[in-house]
Amino acid sequence: MEWTDPISIFLLFVLTVIFIVKTKNFWNRRFREDFPPGPTPLPIIGNLHIMDLKRPYWTMLELSKKYGSVFSIQMGCQKMVVLSGYETVKEALVNQADAFAGRPKIPVFEDLLKGYGVIFSHGDNWKVMRRFTLTTLRDFGMGRRAIEDKIVEESRFLIKDIESQKGKPFEISVMMNAAAANIIVSIIFGERFDYEDPTFLRLLSLISENLRLLGSPSITLYNMFPALGFLLRNYKIVLHNTEEFHSFIQCTFVERLKDLDRNDQRSLIDAFLVRQQEKNNTNGYFHKDNLIYLVSNLFAAGMDTTSTTLCWGLLLMMKYPKIQSKVQEEITRVIGSAQPRIEHRIQMPYADAVVHEIQRFANIVPMDLPHETTEDVTLKGYFIPKGTYIIPLLASVLQDESQWETPDTFNPEHFLDSEGKFVKKEAFMPFSAGRRICAGETLAKMELFLFFTSLLQRFTFHPPPGVTSADLDLTPAVGFVTSPEPYKICAEPRV
């Protein structure tokens, strides 16, 4: 039974009334006069009635025009403070990093992750797991030649798979997921999967479906009123998919434990198991649950964000063939038929600018992952109490009119100076900023440049017959990560 069913709506109403009435101090709760302003909430539903539940960041961008760069909204009982624009987000996440470094307890993620792992964990558990993650990613080559070699090798597998389509229209998202996933998998498990491996395809499917459903209106409703979980089909699917994925991880690390050699650590799982056997003051955090949820976090984050960005990239190259041609001309001029390498990036400012602009324009995590204040804080003259749910609206940073000449247009010139040299922009924050910045940023940047240039070196991408560039829709799909709507692509080999 899904929540749009009439009976479900009636039950939803009854249960929400009971839930609200039982919520302590709901009716009497007051906020200081200097708390950020916002639209007046209704009883029970808060500001639910004015939100675009499929793409809530669209509503928040509109509200920021009325209420300014720091404003509040209410979803059910939950007050949230939204931060809009580069200057405000930077002030909070960078200049007052510690005060905004918390992560709120969101019902669906508490159910799925139990506060373990790294992305949605809290306090000391988060600090220990993040430190371990960063150290281990570096140990296994993040940012160095070792991981670059793996990306180069994987790009060859991806190219071979695309060549097998023989120029006919095909859907690229699954093979892109597989290629990106294999990089983080090589670190986590110490091996790669074949693109046709049924277990691998099932894991990719579970992650993709969950990330799509986690951005659905019914999951938003669940986070507002958890008592309604038994009515919500999407919630049940997400739970089932997570349990299946975690069962695979459990079986994998049990097998690894049988032949663990602390002097020959082949993967992140091995490194974790070795730490588990050590005696020190953080050893208590290296237990089975943290391993399962950490691997789950890294697998999903390492796969989906990179593959989604690349899917946007190829769609944009079909939409703007002149930009695609210009990237290809630079590739031919700088490296010819040689394998693209990270060392070439500095010699290829236009390709580098295009990759950055794809990330800016794609805007795949428009509301960032939510933050929480760890102490009472003042921001832009407003008082925000400890424990407040914070939404750093990254979409407003990546589309800030004060930082980008044409924020709503795909324009690689945003990252080039008058002489055509690459220019870094402080408002480029697709990986967020501050204490909770993406742990895999360095890895992701390397993957995006190498995969993108390798593909454009070998192929010219265009729409299927009968479809023009003008027909291509750039409206993002609904999901926790905003991917493009499914599309078909033709890959014409370059001679």
Protein backbone atom coordinates (compact mmCIF):
# COMPACT_ATOMS: atom_id res chain seq x y z
CA MET A 1 0.00 0.00 0.00
CA GLU A 2 1.51 3.34 -1.05
CA TRP A 3 0.72 6.61 0.67
CA THR A 4 -1.28 7.97 -2.29
CA ASP A 5 -3.98 5.35 -1.65
CA PRO A 6 -7.13 7.03 -0.13
CA ILE A 7 -7.25 4.64 2.82
CA SER A 8 -3.57 5.31 3.46
CA ILE A 9 -4.18 9.05 3.44
CA PHE A 10 -6.95 8.69 6.03
CA LEU A 11 -4.78 6.49 8.26
CA LEU A 12 -1.90 8.88 7.73
CA PHE A 13 -4.04 11.76 8.99
CA VAL A 14 -5.20 9.88 12.09
CA LEU A 15 -1.71 8.69 12.98
CA THR A 16 -0.07 12.04 12.42
CA VAL A 17 -2.57 13.72 14.73
CA ILE A 18 -1.77 11.15 17.42
CA PHE A 19 1.94 11.56 16.79
CA ILE A 20 1.83 15.34 17.04
CA VAL A 21 -0.33 15.39 20.14
CA LYS A 22 2.14 13.09 21.87
CA THR A 23 5.16 15.16 20.86
CA LYS A 24 6.30 16.94 24.03
CA ASN A 25 6.16 20.71 24.02
CA PHE A 26 5.22 20.88 20.32
CA TRP A 27 2.45 23.38 20.81
CA ASN A 28 4.32 25.45 23.36
CA ARG A 29 7.69 25.52 21.67
CA ARG A 30 8.95 29.02 20.92
CA PHE A 31 12.00 30.30 19.11
CA ARG A 32 13.95 33.44 19.86
CA GLU A 33 13.08 36.56 17.90
CA ASP A 34 16.49 36.45 16.23
CA PHE A 35 15.94 32.90 14.91
CA PRO A 36 16.04 32.87 11.09
CA PRO A 37 12.74 33.92 9.48
CA GLY A 38 10.69 31.73 7.18
CA PRO A 39 7.22 30.89 5.92
CA THR A 40 4.57 30.36 8.59
CA PRO A 41 4.11 26.64 9.28
CA LEU A 42 0.73 24.95 9.55
CA PRO A 43 -0.12 22.63 12.45
CA ILE A 44 1.03 19.03 11.95
CA ILE A 45 2.45 19.42 8.43
CA GLY A 46 4.62 22.52 8.92
CA ASN A 47 5.54 23.92 5.49
CA LEU A 48 4.87 20.67 3.67
CA HIS A 49 2.08 22.29 1.65
CA ILE A 50 4.42 24.73 -0.11
CA MET A 51 7.27 22.31 -0.84
CA ASP A 52 8.00 20.61 -4.14
CA LEU A 53 8.54 17.19 -2.57
CA LYS A 54 10.16 15.77 -5.69
CA ARG A 55 12.68 18.58 -5.96
CA PRO A 56 12.56 20.49 -2.64
CA TYR A 57 15.68 22.48 -3.49
CA TRP A 58 13.66 24.29 -6.18
CA THR A 59 11.30 25.56 -3.47
CA MET A 60 14.22 26.51 -1.22
CA LEU A 61 15.86 28.52 -4.00
CA GLU A 62 12.63 30.47 -4.40
CA LEU A 63 12.23 30.98 -0.64
CA SER A 64 15.76 32.38 -0.41
CA LYS A 65 14.71 35.22 -2.73
CA LYS A 66 12.09 36.26 -0.20
CA TYR A 67 13.72 35.45 3.15
CA GLY A 68 17.42 35.93 2.42
CA SER A 69 20.51 33.77 2.75
CA VAL A 70 19.60 32.32 6.17
CA PHE A 71 16.00 31.23 6.62
CA SER A 72 13.96 28.51 8.28
CA ILE A 73 11.39 25.98 7.13
CA GLN A 74 9.46 23.37 9.06
CA MET A 75 8.77 19.82 7.90
CA GLY A 76 6.28 18.27 10.29
CA CYS A 77 7.75 18.96 13.74
CA GLN A 78 11.27 19.47 12.46
CA LYS A 79 12.59 23.02 12.22
CA MET A 80 15.36 23.38 9.65
CA VAL A 81 17.63 26.27 8.80
CA VAL A 82 18.58 26.67 5.14
CA LEU A 83 21.85 28.37 4.16
CA SER A 84 21.82 29.96 0.72
CA GLY A 85 24.58 31.48 -1.41
CA TYR A 86 28.34 31.08 -1.47
CA GLU A 87 29.24 33.64 1.21
CA THR A 88 26.78 32.23 3.76
CA VAL A 89 27.60 28.57 3.14
CA LYS A 90 31.32 29.32 3.34
CA GLU A 91 30.87 31.30 6.56
CA ALA A 92 29.10 28.36 8.15
CA LEU A 93 30.91 25.28 6.82
CA VAL A 94 34.44 26.73 6.55
CA ASN A 95 34.77 29.72 8.89
CA GLN A 96 32.67 28.14 11.65
CA ALA A 97 33.44 24.56 10.67
CA ASP A 98 33.30 22.95 14.12
CA ALA A 99 29.95 24.52 14.99
CA PHE A 100 28.36 23.11 11.81
CA ALA A 101 30.10 19.72 11.78
CA GLY A 102 27.28 17.65 13.26
CA ARG A 103 24.94 15.30 11.42
CA PRO A 104 21.26 15.18 12.44
CA LYS A 105 19.57 11.89 13.26
CA ILE A 106 17.31 11.36 10.26
CA PRO A 107 14.81 8.51 10.78
CA VAL A 108 15.40 6.61 7.53
CA PHE A 109 19.19 6.76 7.86
CA GLU A 110 19.08 5.82 11.53
CA ASP A 111 17.05 2.77 10.48
CA LEU A 112 19.43 1.87 7.66
CA LEU A 113 22.80 2.71 9.25
CA LYS A 114 22.18 2.64 13.03
CA GLY A 115 24.57 5.58 13.51
CA TYR A 116 27.55 3.52 12.25
CA GLY A 117 29.84 3.95 9.25
CA VAL A 118 31.07 7.41 8.32
CA ILE A 119 28.52 9.41 6.33
CA PHE A 120 25.63 9.55 8.80
CA SER A 121 27.49 8.70 12.01
CA HIS A 122 27.99 11.02 14.94
CA GLY A 123 30.50 12.11 17.58
CA ASP A 124 33.57 10.00 18.25
CA ASN A 125 32.38 7.16 16.02
CA TRP A 126 32.37 9.54 13.06
CA LYS A 127 35.79 10.97 13.94
CA VAL A 128 37.40 7.52 14.26
CA MET A 129 35.79 6.12 11.10
CA ARG A 130 36.59 9.22 9.03
CA ARG A 131 40.22 9.21 10.15
CA PHE A 132 40.50 5.50 9.31
CA THR A 133 38.79 6.03 5.94
CA LEU A 134 41.06 8.89 4.86
CA THR A 135 44.21 7.08 6.00
CA THR A 136 43.23 3.82 4.32
CA LEU A 137 42.18 5.46 1.05
CA ARG A 138 45.59 7.12 0.90
CA ASP A 139 47.36 3.88 1.81
CA PHE A 140 45.65 2.15 -1.09
CA GLY A 141 46.65 4.83 -3.57
CA MET A 142 44.09 7.64 -3.52
CA GLY A 143 45.71 10.61 -5.24
CA ARG A 144 48.73 8.60 -6.35
CA ARG A 145 49.94 6.61 -9.35
CA ALA A 146 48.66 3.30 -8.00
CA ILE A 147 45.01 4.29 -8.16
CA GLU A 148 45.55 6.20 -11.39
CA ASP A 149 46.72 2.96 -12.99
CA LYS A 150 43.52 1.24 -11.85
CA ILE A 151 41.37 4.00 -13.33
CA VAL A 152 43.28 3.81 -16.62
CA GLU A 153 42.82 0.03 -16.69
CA GLU A 154 39.12 0.34 -15.91
CA SER A 155 38.65 2.93 -18.65
CA ARG A 156 39.88 0.30 -21.13
CA PHE A 157 37.22 -2.15 -19.93
CA LEU A 158 34.59 0.57 -20.26
CA ILE A 159 35.76 1.51 -23.76
CA LYS A 160 35.64 -2.14 -24.82
CA ASP A 161 32.08 -2.45 -23.55
CA ILE A 162 31.03 0.67 -25.43
CA GLU A 163 32.74 -0.57 -28.60
CA SER A 164 30.65 -3.74 -28.39
CA GLN A 165 27.53 -1.62 -28.97
CA LYS A 166 28.82 -1.00 -32.54
CA GLY A 167 27.45 2.52 -32.76
CA LYS A 168 23.86 1.50 -32.04
CA PRO A 169 21.76 3.35 -29.42
CA PHE A 170 22.25 2.07 -25.88
CA GLU A 171 21.67 3.10 -22.26
CA ILE A 172 25.00 3.87 -20.62
CA SER A 173 24.16 4.28 -16.92
CA VAL A 174 24.66 0.64 -15.86
CA MET A 175 28.09 0.26 -17.44
CA MET A 176 29.08 3.68 -16.07
CA ASN A 177 27.98 2.53 -12.62
CA ALA A 178 30.06 -0.61 -13.04
CA ALA A 179 33.18 1.28 -14.11
CA ALA A 180 33.00 3.80 -11.26
CA ALA A 181 32.09 1.11 -8.73
CA ASN A 182 35.07 -1.02 -9.70
CA ILE A 183 37.48 1.71 -8.60
CA ILE A 184 36.16 1.90 -5.05
CA VAL A 185 35.59 -1.89 -5.06
CA SER A 186 39.28 -2.42 -5.85
CA ILE A 187 40.10 -0.51 -2.65
CA ILE A 188 37.38 -2.05 -0.47
CA PHE A 189 37.66 -5.66 -1.63
CA GLY A 190 41.02 -5.72 -3.39
CA GLU A 191 39.57 -6.91 -6.72
CA ARG A 192 37.31 -5.86 -9.58
CA PHE A 193 34.12 -7.38 -10.99
CA ASP A 194 33.30 -8.22 -14.58
CA TYR A 195 30.53 -5.99 -15.95
CA GLU A 196 28.38 -9.05 -16.60
CA ASP A 197 28.88 -10.61 -13.15
CA PRO A 198 25.31 -11.21 -11.84
CA THR A 199 26.29 -10.55 -8.21
CA PHE A 200 27.92 -7.25 -9.17
CA LEU A 201 24.93 -6.21 -11.28
CA ARG A 202 22.60 -7.02 -8.40
CA LEU A 203 24.65 -4.89 -5.99
CA LEU A 204 24.65 -1.98 -8.43
CA SER A 205 20.90 -2.34 -8.87
CA LEU A 206 20.29 -2.31 -5.12
CA ILE A 207 22.31 0.87 -4.65
CA SER A 208 20.78 2.66 -7.63
CA GLU A 209 17.23 1.83 -6.57
CA ASN A 210 17.84 2.93 -2.98
CA LEU A 211 19.37 6.26 -4.01
CA ARG A 212 16.41 6.91 -6.27
CA LEU A 213 13.83 5.98 -3.62
CA LEU A 214 15.56 7.91 -0.82
CA GLY A 215 14.75 11.09 -2.70
CA SER A 216 11.07 10.21 -3.15
CA PRO A 217 8.20 12.11 -1.49
CA SER A 218 7.16 9.08 0.55
CA ILE A 219 10.59 8.84 2.22
CA THR A 220 10.37 12.55 3.01
CA LEU A 221 7.02 11.80 4.60
CA TYR A 222 8.53 8.94 6.60
CA ASN A 223 11.27 11.22 7.94
CA MET A 224 8.57 13.60 9.13
CA PHE A 225 6.32 10.92 10.63
CA PRO A 226 8.20 7.62 11.20
CA ALA A 227 5.07 5.96 12.61
CA LEU A 228 3.79 5.78 9.05
CA GLY A 229 6.53 3.41 7.89
CA PHE A 230 4.24 0.38 7.64
CA LEU A 231 2.15 2.24 5.01
CA LEU A 232 5.02 3.22 2.75
CA ARG A 233 6.07 0.80 0.05
CA ASN A 234 9.24 2.71 -0.85
CA TYR A 235 10.42 2.56 2.77
CA LYS A 236 9.98 -1.20 2.84
CA ILE A 237 11.89 -1.62 -0.43
CA VAL A 238 14.78 0.49 0.86
CA LEU A 239 15.00 -1.62 4.03
CA HIS A 240 14.91 -4.88 2.08
CA ASN A 241 17.56 -3.71 -0.41
CA THR A 242 19.83 -2.58 2.42
CA GLU A 243 19.53 -5.90 4.23
CA GLU A 244 20.44 -7.79 1.04
CA PHE A 245 23.44 -5.56 0.40
CA HIS A 246 24.67 -5.88 3.99
CA SER A 247 24.37 -9.68 3.80
CA PHE A 248 26.79 -9.67 0.88
CA ILE A 249 29.29 -7.53 2.80
CA GLN A 250 28.97 -9.77 5.87
CA CYS A 251 29.73 -12.90 3.84
CA THR A 252 32.68 -11.18 2.17
CA PHE A 253 34.45 -10.09 5.34
CA VAL A 254 33.81 -13.44 7.05
CA GLU A 255 35.65 -15.09 4.15
CA ARG A 256 38.46 -12.54 4.37
CA LEU A 257 38.87 -13.19 8.08
CA LYS A 258 39.69 -16.85 7.38
CA ASP A 259 42.97 -16.05 5.60
CA LEU A 260 43.78 -12.60 6.98
CA ASP A 261 47.49 -11.75 6.86
CA ARG A 262 48.32 -8.56 8.74
CA ASN A 263 51.58 -8.30 6.76
CA ASP A 264 49.76 -8.51 3.42
CA GLN A 265 46.73 -6.25 3.62
CA ARG A 266 45.01 -6.35 0.25
CA SER A 267 42.00 -4.13 0.89
CA LEU A 268 40.21 -1.73 3.19
CA ILE A 269 38.39 -4.71 4.71
CA ASP A 270 41.74 -6.32 5.55
CA ALA A 271 42.98 -3.08 7.11
CA PHE A 272 39.81 -2.81 9.20
CA LEU A 273 40.07 -6.42 10.41
CA VAL A 274 43.70 -5.88 11.42
CA ARG A 275 42.71 -2.79 13.40
CA GLN A 276 39.96 -4.81 15.01
CA GLN A 277 42.58 -7.13 16.49
CA GLU A 278 44.75 -4.34 17.87
CA LYS A 279 44.50 -3.09 21.45
CA ASN A 280 44.23 0.68 21.66
CA ASN A 281 41.78 3.31 22.79
CA THR A 282 39.85 3.35 19.52
CA ASN A 283 39.67 -0.41 19.09
CA GLY A 284 36.12 -0.45 20.40
CA TYR A 285 34.93 1.25 17.22
CA PHE A 286 36.35 -1.43 14.91
CA HIS A 287 33.48 -3.88 15.21
CA LYS A 288 31.36 -5.79 12.71
CA ASP A 289 28.58 -3.21 12.41
CA ASN A 290 30.95 -0.35 11.69
CA LEU A 291 32.66 -2.43 9.01
CA ILE A 292 29.39 -3.33 7.30
CA TYR A 293 28.06 0.21 7.30
CA LEU A 294 31.40 1.79 6.37
CA VAL A 295 31.77 -0.49 3.34
CA SER A 296 28.15 0.23 2.42
CA ASN A 297 28.78 4.00 2.66
CA LEU A 298 31.93 3.92 0.56
CA PHE A 299 30.53 1.56 -2.08
CA ALA A 300 27.42 3.70 -2.65
CA ALA A 301 29.15 7.08 -2.46
CA GLY A 302 32.13 5.96 -4.54
CA MET A 303 29.93 4.56 -7.28
CA ASP A 304 26.92 6.78 -7.71
CA THR A 305 28.27 10.31 -7.50
CA THR A 306 31.03 9.67 -10.05
CA SER A 307 28.89 7.66 -12.47
CA THR A 308 26.03 10.17 -12.25
CA THR A 309 28.39 13.06 -13.03
CA LEU A 310 29.81 11.17 -16.03
CA CYS A 311 26.30 10.40 -17.30
CA TRP A 312 25.53 14.12 -17.09
CA GLY A 313 28.80 14.79 -18.89
CA LEU A 314 27.99 12.63 -21.92
CA LEU A 315 24.45 14.00 -22.08
CA LEU A 316 25.85 17.54 -22.10
CA MET A 317 28.36 16.63 -24.82
CA MET A 318 25.47 15.43 -27.00
CA LYS A 319 23.54 18.59 -26.16
CA TYR A 320 26.49 20.83 -27.00
CA PRO A 321 28.46 19.09 -29.81
CA LYS A 322 30.68 22.14 -30.40
CA ILE A 323 32.00 21.86 -26.85
CA GLN A 324 32.56 18.13 -27.36
CA SER A 325 34.54 18.86 -30.54
CA LYS A 326 36.64 21.47 -28.77
CA VAL A 327 37.55 18.99 -26.02
CA GLN A 328 38.48 16.40 -28.66
CA GLU A 329 40.63 18.91 -30.51
CA GLU A 330 42.56 19.64 -27.32
CA ILE A 331 43.00 15.92 -26.60
CA THR A 332 44.36 15.35 -30.13
CA ARG A 333 46.68 18.35 -29.91
CA VAL A 334 48.09 17.58 -26.45
CA ILE A 335 48.29 13.78 -26.23
CA GLY A 336 47.21 12.38 -29.60
CA SER A 337 46.54 8.67 -29.25
CA ALA A 338 48.48 8.30 -25.98
CA GLN A 339 46.61 7.25 -22.86
CA PRO A 340 45.27 10.26 -20.91
CA ARG A 341 47.00 10.69 -17.57
CA ILE A 342 46.55 13.07 -14.66
CA GLU A 343 49.83 14.77 -15.60
CA HIS A 344 48.09 15.92 -18.81
CA ARG A 345 45.41 17.85 -16.93
CA ILE A 346 47.56 20.97 -16.54
CA GLN A 347 48.19 20.92 -20.32
CA MET A 348 44.47 20.57 -21.08
CA PRO A 349 42.76 23.60 -19.49
CA TYR A 350 39.67 23.39 -21.69
CA ALA A 351 38.96 19.73 -20.90
CA ASP A 352 39.59 20.46 -17.22
CA ALA A 353 37.18 23.40 -17.38
CA VAL A 354 34.52 21.25 -19.04
CA VAL A 355 34.81 18.57 -16.35
CA HIS A 356 34.44 21.21 -13.64
CA GLU A 357 31.49 22.83 -15.40
CA ILE A 358 29.78 19.43 -15.71
CA GLN A 359 30.02 19.09 -11.94
CA ARG A 360 28.76 22.62 -11.35
CA PHE A 361 25.88 22.38 -13.80
CA ALA A 362 24.86 18.83 -12.86
CA ASN A 363 24.50 19.88 -9.22
CA ILE A 364 24.01 16.25 -8.17
CA VAL A 365 23.66 16.83 -4.40
CA PRO A 366 21.76 20.13 -4.45
CA MET A 367 20.96 20.21 -0.71
CA ASP A 368 24.27 18.71 0.40
CA LEU A 369 23.96 16.08 3.11
CA PRO A 370 22.28 17.70 6.12
CA HIS A 371 24.39 19.17 8.91
CA GLU A 372 23.60 19.91 12.55
CA THR A 373 24.94 22.60 14.84
CA THR A 374 27.12 21.25 17.63
CA GLU A 375 26.77 24.41 19.73
CA ASP A 376 24.77 27.64 19.86
CA VAL A 377 25.95 29.82 16.99
CA THR A 378 25.28 33.21 15.40
CA LEU A 379 25.29 33.45 11.61
CA LYS A 380 24.58 36.61 9.61
CA GLY A 381 23.01 38.14 12.72
CA TYR A 382 20.69 35.20 13.38
CA PHE A 383 20.82 32.94 16.44
CA ILE A 384 20.86 29.21 15.66
CA PRO A 385 20.69 26.94 18.74
CA LYS A 386 22.70 23.78 19.27
CA GLY A 387 21.14 20.73 17.63
CA THR A 388 19.51 22.62 14.74
CA TYR A 389 19.04 20.75 11.46
CA ILE A 390 21.04 22.64 8.79
CA ILE A 391 20.61 22.46 5.00
CA PRO A 392 23.60 23.96 3.16
CA LEU A 393 21.91 24.62 -0.19
CA LEU A 394 24.76 23.71 -2.53
CA ALA A 395 22.52 24.42 -5.52
CA SER A 396 22.50 28.08 -4.43
CA VAL A 397 26.32 28.08 -4.30
CA LEU A 398 26.79 26.44 -7.69
CA GLN A 399 24.21 28.84 -9.18
CA ASP A 400 25.17 31.96 -7.23
CA GLU A 401 24.78 34.94 -9.56
CA SER A 402 27.55 36.81 -7.73
CA GLN A 403 30.03 34.01 -8.49
CA TRP A 404 29.06 32.74 -11.95
CA GLU A 405 28.49 34.89 -15.05
CA THR A 406 25.78 32.62 -16.49
CA PRO A 407 24.74 30.39 -13.56
CA ASP A 408 21.83 28.71 -15.36
CA THR A 409 23.80 27.93 -18.52
CA PHE A 410 26.34 25.21 -19.24
CA ASN A 411 29.41 27.35 -19.84
CA PRO A 412 33.00 26.03 -19.48
CA GLU A 413 34.22 29.65 -19.70
CA HIS A 414 33.34 29.90 -15.99
CA PHE A 415 36.66 28.15 -15.31
CA LEU A 416 38.84 29.89 -17.92
CA ASP A 417 40.52 33.27 -17.94
CA SER A 418 40.85 35.60 -20.93
CA GLU A 419 43.93 33.67 -22.09
CA GLY A 420 42.22 30.30 -21.92
CA LYS A 421 44.02 29.18 -18.76
CA PHE A 422 42.19 27.17 -16.11
CA VAL A 423 40.98 29.21 -13.12
CA LYS A 424 40.01 27.76 -9.74
CA LYS A 425 36.80 29.09 -8.24
CA GLU A 426 36.17 29.14 -4.48
CA ALA A 427 32.44 28.78 -5.09
CA PHE A 428 33.04 25.40 -6.74
CA MET A 429 31.67 23.22 -3.91
CA PRO A 430 30.17 20.04 -5.41
CA PHE A 431 31.92 18.00 -2.69
CA SER A 432 30.62 20.31 0.08
CA ALA A 433 33.14 21.98 2.43
CA GLY A 434 34.40 22.01 5.99
CA ARG A 435 34.62 19.06 8.38
CA ARG A 436 32.11 16.95 6.45
CA ILE A 437 33.60 17.46 2.99
CA CYS A 438 33.55 14.31 0.84
CA ALA A 439 36.35 11.98 1.94
CA GLY A 440 36.80 10.73 -1.62
CA GLU A 441 37.11 14.13 -3.32
CA THR A 442 40.66 13.51 -4.60
CA LEU A 443 39.70 10.10 -5.97
CA ALA A 444 36.55 11.42 -7.63
CA LYS A 445 38.39 14.27 -9.37
CA MET A 446 40.94 11.83 -10.77
CA GLU A 447 38.24 9.44 -11.99
CA LEU A 448 36.19 12.17 -13.66
CA PHE A 449 39.09 13.59 -15.64
CA LEU A 450 40.54 10.24 -16.73
CA PHE A 451 37.25 8.55 -17.63
CA PHE A 452 35.91 11.63 -19.43
CA THR A 453 39.01 12.32 -21.54
CA SER A 454 39.52 8.61 -22.32
CA LEU A 455 35.95 8.34 -23.61
CA LEU A 456 36.09 11.50 -25.71
CA GLN A 457 39.46 10.45 -27.11
CA ARG A 458 37.93 7.24 -28.48
CA PHE A 459 34.34 8.21 -29.31
CA THR A 460 32.10 11.00 -30.49
CA PHE A 461 28.78 10.81 -28.67
CA HIS A 462 25.51 11.82 -30.33
CA PRO A 463 21.78 11.22 -29.89
CA PRO A 464 20.03 8.25 -31.52
CA PRO A 465 18.69 8.66 -35.08
CA GLY A 466 15.66 10.92 -35.16
CA VAL A 467 16.66 12.78 -31.99
CA THR A 468 18.30 16.19 -32.21
CA SER A 469 20.46 17.96 -29.65
CA ALA A 470 17.58 20.36 -29.06
CA ASP A 471 15.34 17.43 -28.09
CA LEU A 472 17.56 16.38 -25.20
CA ASP A 473 16.00 17.12 -21.81
CA LEU A 474 18.26 18.44 -19.04
CA THR A 475 15.59 18.27 -16.33
CA PRO A 476 17.03 16.21 -13.45
CA ALA A 477 15.36 13.01 -12.33
CA VAL A 478 13.96 12.62 -8.83
CA GLY A 479 16.35 10.98 -6.36
CA PHE A 480 18.66 11.43 -3.40
CA VAL A 481 21.36 12.11 -6.00
CA THR A 482 20.01 14.08 -8.98
CA SER A 483 20.82 12.11 -12.10
CA PRO A 484 19.66 12.90 -15.63
CA GLU A 485 16.51 11.23 -16.84
CA PRO A 486 17.33 7.92 -18.61
CA TYR A 487 18.55 8.47 -22.15
CA LYS A 488 19.91 6.54 -25.13
CA ILE A 489 23.28 7.40 -26.62
CA CYS A 490 25.26 6.49 -29.73
CA ALA A 491 29.06 6.19 -29.54
CA GLU A 492 30.77 6.69 -32.89
CA PRO A 493 34.42 5.52 -32.87
CA ARG A 494 36.92 8.25 -33.77
CA VAL A 495 39.35 7.37 -36.51
